[in-house]
Amino acid sequence: MTIQTVLIAVILVAFAIAAALTIVRIVVGPSILDRAVASDVLLTEVLCILGAEMVINQHTRSIPIMLIIAAVGVFGSISVARFVARRDQ
């Protein structure tokens, strides 16, 4: 076993556990803000996985995908914040 194989296994296990816990928080809730934060965390995990894949395979082809995912996360957070702010008034 090489160090790269061990590193990939550790990354996969860590991100799988984090994703499972995040999906549980999205399903359980209890509020819309909990679900919104959990979905942002899940998007961040996807970004980290793509970044780790780029480092392991030594390329930069995933950067446009990462930018789109980051933009979706930002706009989604802004939308939820505006929705909650209007609902509280």
C-alpha atoms as a PDB file:
ATOM      1  CA  MET A   1       0.000   0.000   0.000  1.00  0.00           C
ATOM      2  CA  THR A   2       1.322   3.363  -0.944  1.00  0.00           C
ATOM      3  CA  ILE A   3       0.845   6.546   0.999  1.00  0.00           C
ATOM      4  CA  GLN A   4      -1.409   7.856  -1.774  1.00  0.00           C
ATOM      5  CA  THR A   5      -3.780   4.904  -1.413  1.00  0.00           C
ATOM      6  CA  VAL A   6      -3.973   5.398   2.342  1.00  0.00           C
ATOM      7  CA  LEU A   7      -4.588   9.131   1.866  1.00  0.00           C
ATOM      8  CA  ILE A   8      -7.399   8.483  -0.605  1.00  0.00           C
ATOM      9  CA  ALA A   9      -9.013   5.963   1.776  1.00  0.00           C
ATOM     10  CA  VAL A  10      -8.848   8.405   4.697  1.00  0.00           C
ATOM     11  CA  ILE A  11     -10.325  11.210   2.572  1.00  0.00           C
ATOM     12  CA  LEU A  12     -13.157   8.983   1.361  1.00  0.00           C
ATOM     13  CA  VAL A  13     -14.043   7.805   4.858  1.00  0.00           C
ATOM     14  CA  ALA A  14     -13.919  11.301   6.359  1.00  0.00           C
ATOM     15  CA  PHE A  15     -16.068  12.843   3.654  1.00  0.00           C
ATOM     16  CA  ALA A  16     -18.515   9.924   3.662  1.00  0.00           C
ATOM     17  CA  ILE A  17     -19.091  10.277   7.402  1.00  0.00           C
ATOM     18  CA  ALA A  18     -19.431  14.054   7.116  1.00  0.00           C
ATOM     19  CA  ALA A  19     -21.870  13.749   4.213  1.00  0.00           C
ATOM     20  CA  ALA A  20     -23.983  11.169   6.054  1.00  0.00           C
ATOM     21  CA  LEU A  21     -24.212  13.373   9.144  1.00  0.00           C
ATOM     22  CA  THR A  22     -25.065  16.385   7.008  1.00  0.00           C
ATOM     23  CA  ILE A  23     -27.827  14.534   5.190  1.00  0.00           C
ATOM     24  CA  VAL A  24     -29.257  13.464   8.551  1.00  0.00           C
ATOM     25  CA  ARG A  25     -29.358  17.142   9.585  1.00  0.00           C
ATOM     26  CA  ILE A  26     -31.098  18.072   6.315  1.00  0.00           C
ATOM     27  CA  VAL A  27     -33.752  15.408   6.864  1.00  0.00           C
ATOM     28  CA  VAL A  28     -34.263  15.908  10.610  1.00  0.00           C
ATOM     29  CA  GLY A  29     -34.207  19.695  10.594  1.00  0.00           C
ATOM     30  CA  PRO A  30     -35.992  20.915  12.767  1.00  0.00           C
ATOM     31  CA  SER A  31     -36.040  24.415  11.254  1.00  0.00           C
ATOM     32  CA  ILE A  32     -35.485  25.707   7.747  1.00  0.00           C
ATOM     33  CA  LEU A  33     -32.324  27.454   8.916  1.00  0.00           C
ATOM     34  CA  ASP A  34     -30.874  24.135  10.113  1.00  0.00           C
ATOM     35  CA  ARG A  35     -31.624  22.631   6.724  1.00  0.00           C
ATOM     36  CA  ALA A  36     -30.121  25.626   4.902  1.00  0.00           C
ATOM     37  CA  VAL A  37     -26.910  25.475   6.904  1.00  0.00           C
ATOM     38  CA  ALA A  38     -26.679  21.724   6.375  1.00  0.00           C
ATOM     39  CA  SER A  39     -27.129  22.123   2.618  1.00  0.00           C
ATOM     40  CA  ASP A  40     -24.349  24.739   2.613  1.00  0.00           C
ATOM     41  CA  VAL A  41     -22.137  22.306   4.496  1.00  0.00           C
ATOM     42  CA  LEU A  42     -22.936  19.595   1.944  1.00  0.00           C
ATOM     43  CA  LEU A  43     -22.007  21.922  -0.923  1.00  0.00           C
ATOM     44  CA  THR A  44     -18.777  22.775   0.874  1.00  0.00           C
ATOM     45  CA  GLU A  45     -18.024  19.075   1.236  1.00  0.00           C
ATOM     46  CA  VAL A  46     -18.533  18.608  -2.497  1.00  0.00           C
ATOM     47  CA  LEU A  47     -16.106  21.481  -3.117  1.00  0.00           C
ATOM     48  CA  CYS A  48     -13.551  19.884  -0.800  1.00  0.00           C
ATOM     49  CA  ILE A  49     -13.936  16.513  -2.507  1.00  0.00           C
ATOM     50  CA  LEU A  50     -13.395  18.107  -5.912  1.00  0.00           C
ATOM     51  CA  GLY A  51     -10.371  19.971  -4.564  1.00  0.00           C
ATOM     52  CA  ALA A  52      -8.896  16.800  -3.101  1.00  0.00           C
ATOM     53  CA  GLU A  53      -9.479  14.991  -6.392  1.00  0.00           C
ATOM     54  CA  MET A  54      -7.663  17.776  -8.249  1.00  0.00           C
ATOM     55  CA  VAL A  55      -4.682  17.532  -5.884  1.00  0.00           C
ATOM     56  CA  ILE A  56      -4.515  13.746  -6.069  1.00  0.00           C
ATOM     57  CA  ASN A  57      -4.756  13.644  -9.882  1.00  0.00           C
ATOM     58  CA  GLN A  58      -2.718  16.845 -10.377  1.00  0.00           C
ATOM     59  CA  HIS A  59      -5.045  18.802 -12.656  1.00  0.00           C
ATOM     60  CA  THR A  60      -7.175  21.948 -12.562  1.00  0.00           C
ATOM     61  CA  ARG A  61     -10.055  20.978 -14.833  1.00  0.00           C
ATOM     62  CA  SER A  62     -12.625  21.040 -12.001  1.00  0.00           C
ATOM     63  CA  ILE A  63     -12.194  24.720 -11.128  1.00  0.00           C
ATOM     64  CA  PRO A  64     -15.149  25.927 -13.287  1.00  0.00           C
ATOM     65  CA  ILE A  65     -17.403  23.330 -11.650  1.00  0.00           C
ATOM     66  CA  MET A  66     -16.214  24.444  -8.225  1.00  0.00           C
ATOM     67  CA  LEU A  67     -16.985  28.078  -9.063  1.00  0.00           C
ATOM     68  CA  ILE A  68     -20.523  27.190 -10.167  1.00  0.00           C
ATOM     69  CA  ILE A  69     -21.141  25.144  -7.008  1.00  0.00           C
ATOM     70  CA  ALA A  70     -19.834  28.000  -4.847  1.00  0.00           C
ATOM     71  CA  ALA A  71     -22.093  30.504  -6.630  1.00  0.00           C
ATOM     72  CA  VAL A  72     -25.123  28.259  -6.163  1.00  0.00           C
ATOM     73  CA  GLY A  73     -24.311  27.985  -2.457  1.00  0.00           C
ATOM     74  CA  VAL A  74     -23.972  31.744  -2.024  1.00  0.00           C
ATOM     75  CA  PHE A  75     -27.159  32.555  -3.904  1.00  0.00           C
ATOM     76  CA  GLY A  76     -29.041  29.834  -2.042  1.00  0.00           C
ATOM     77  CA  SER A  77     -27.910  31.189   1.316  1.00  0.00           C
ATOM     78  CA  ILE A  78     -28.926  34.709   0.347  1.00  0.00           C
ATOM     79  CA  SER A  79     -32.339  33.487  -0.789  1.00  0.00           C
ATOM     80  CA  VAL A  80     -32.974  31.608   2.447  1.00  0.00           C
ATOM     81  CA  ALA A  81     -31.828  34.570   4.537  1.00  0.00           C
ATOM     82  CA  ARG A  82     -34.184  36.908   2.659  1.00  0.00           C
ATOM     83  CA  PHE A  83     -37.054  34.442   3.013  1.00  0.00           C
ATOM     84  CA  VAL A  84     -36.534  34.101   6.753  1.00  0.00           C
ATOM     85  CA  ALA A  85     -36.154  37.867   7.175  1.00  0.00           C
ATOM     86  CA  ARG A  86     -39.457  38.510   5.386  1.00  0.00           C
ATOM     87  CA  ARG A  87     -41.226  35.795   7.352  1.00  0.00           C
ATOM     88  CA  ASP A  88     -40.078  37.265  10.676  1.00  0.00           C
ATOM     89  CA  GLN A  89     -41.511  40.711   9.913  1.00  0.00           C
END
